[in-house]
Protein backbone atom coordinates (compact mmCIF):
# COMPACT_ATOMS: atom_id res chain seq x y z
CA MET A 1 -7.45 2.21 9.25
CA ASP A 2 -4.29 3.20 11.08
CA VAL A 3 -1.46 3.59 8.57
CA SER A 4 2.02 4.99 9.12
CA LEU A 5 4.15 5.85 6.07
CA LYS A 6 7.73 7.05 5.70
CA GLY A 7 9.71 8.09 2.66
CA GLU A 8 9.93 10.89 0.13
CA VAL A 9 7.80 11.92 -2.84
CA ARG A 10 8.68 14.86 -5.06
CA LEU A 11 5.69 16.62 -6.61
CA LEU A 12 6.04 17.59 -10.27
CA GLY A 13 3.86 19.25 -12.89
CA ASN A 14 1.05 21.67 -12.12
CA PRO A 15 -2.01 21.59 -9.82
CA ALA A 16 -4.29 20.53 -12.68
CA ALA A 17 -2.15 17.48 -13.55
CA PRO A 18 0.24 16.67 -10.69
CA LYS A 19 2.83 13.92 -11.00
CA GLY A 20 4.91 12.32 -8.29
CA GLU A 21 8.31 10.72 -8.09
CA GLY A 22 9.52 8.78 -5.06
CA HIS A 23 8.90 6.00 -2.58
CA LEU A 24 6.83 5.57 0.58
CA PHE A 25 6.90 2.54 2.87
CA ALA A 26 5.07 1.29 5.93
CA PRO A 27 7.47 0.35 8.73
CA PRO A 28 6.83 -3.30 9.74
CA ASN A 29 3.99 -3.85 12.22
CA SER A 30 3.25 -0.12 12.57
CA SER A 31 0.04 -0.09 10.53
CA ARG A 32 -3.25 -1.94 10.35
CA VAL A 33 -6.41 -1.92 8.29
CA PHE A 34 -9.86 -3.16 9.22
CA PHE A 35 -11.42 -5.45 6.57
CA LYS A 36 -14.35 -7.87 6.87
CA ASN A 37 -14.55 -7.47 10.67
CA ASN A 38 -10.84 -8.19 11.23
CA ASP A 39 -7.70 -6.18 11.83
CA TYR A 40 -5.00 -6.93 9.27
CA TYR A 41 -1.52 -5.94 10.43
CA ILE A 42 0.67 -4.67 7.60
CA THR A 43 3.96 -6.57 7.63
CA SER A 44 5.34 -4.90 4.51
CA GLY A 45 4.12 -2.01 2.40
CA ASP A 46 5.67 -0.10 -0.49
CA LEU A 47 4.27 2.66 -2.70
CA ASN A 48 6.32 3.78 -5.71
CA PHE A 49 5.54 6.94 -7.65
CA PHE A 50 6.84 7.51 -11.18
CA ALA A 51 6.73 10.77 -13.13
CA ARG A 52 5.38 8.94 -16.21
CA LYS A 53 2.24 7.86 -14.29
CA GLU A 54 -0.57 9.77 -12.61
CA ILE A 55 0.12 10.42 -8.93
CA THR A 56 -3.23 8.76 -8.14
CA ASN A 57 -2.02 5.44 -9.59
CA PRO A 58 1.22 4.43 -7.81
CA ASP A 59 2.73 0.95 -7.99
CA PHE A 60 2.26 -0.83 -4.68
CA ASP A 61 3.14 -4.05 -2.88
CA ILE A 62 1.37 -4.52 0.44
CA GLN A 63 1.43 -7.61 2.66
CA ALA A 64 -0.63 -8.13 5.80
CA VAL A 65 -1.59 -10.83 8.27
CA THR A 66 -4.51 -11.56 10.58
CA THR A 67 -5.75 -14.46 12.70
CA LEU A 68 -9.18 -15.98 12.00
CA SER A 69 -10.23 -18.66 14.48
CA ASN A 70 -6.94 -20.56 14.82
CA TYR A 71 -5.69 -19.79 11.32
CA LYS A 72 -3.15 -17.23 10.16
CA VAL A 73 -4.37 -15.50 7.01
CA TYR A 74 -1.84 -13.74 4.80
CA ALA A 75 -3.03 -11.12 2.32
CA LYS A 76 -0.97 -9.58 -0.46
CA ALA A 77 -1.99 -6.84 -2.91
CA TYR A 78 0.37 -5.66 -5.64
CA GLY A 79 0.39 -3.84 -8.95
CA ASP A 80 -1.26 -0.47 -9.42
CA LEU A 81 -4.85 0.69 -8.92
CA GLU A 82 -5.72 0.07 -12.57
CA ARG A 83 -4.22 -3.45 -12.68
CA PHE A 84 -3.59 -5.20 -9.39
CA ASN A 85 -3.48 -8.71 -7.94
CA PHE A 86 -4.80 -9.85 -4.59
CA ASP A 87 -3.68 -13.13 -3.00
CA LEU A 88 -4.87 -14.83 0.20
CA THR A 89 -3.12 -17.77 1.82
């Protein structure tokens, strides 16, 4: 995994129960993840932190692409870690 993130997150609460508020994003084509023997290049990535939610469960929307044989495979994951969707096309 080689991930670059930019943005701002403000930490709230106390060390026993931290909260976060803010936004992080992956600049286009600056990050990649290795999954099932392939590099997926992140084309878009957003992480949103809300004070009403645990900092360990941000909302996210991540899109990536790879090439398998002669096919482009697009992956998208979105939601939060407790309830998320994963699409492949």
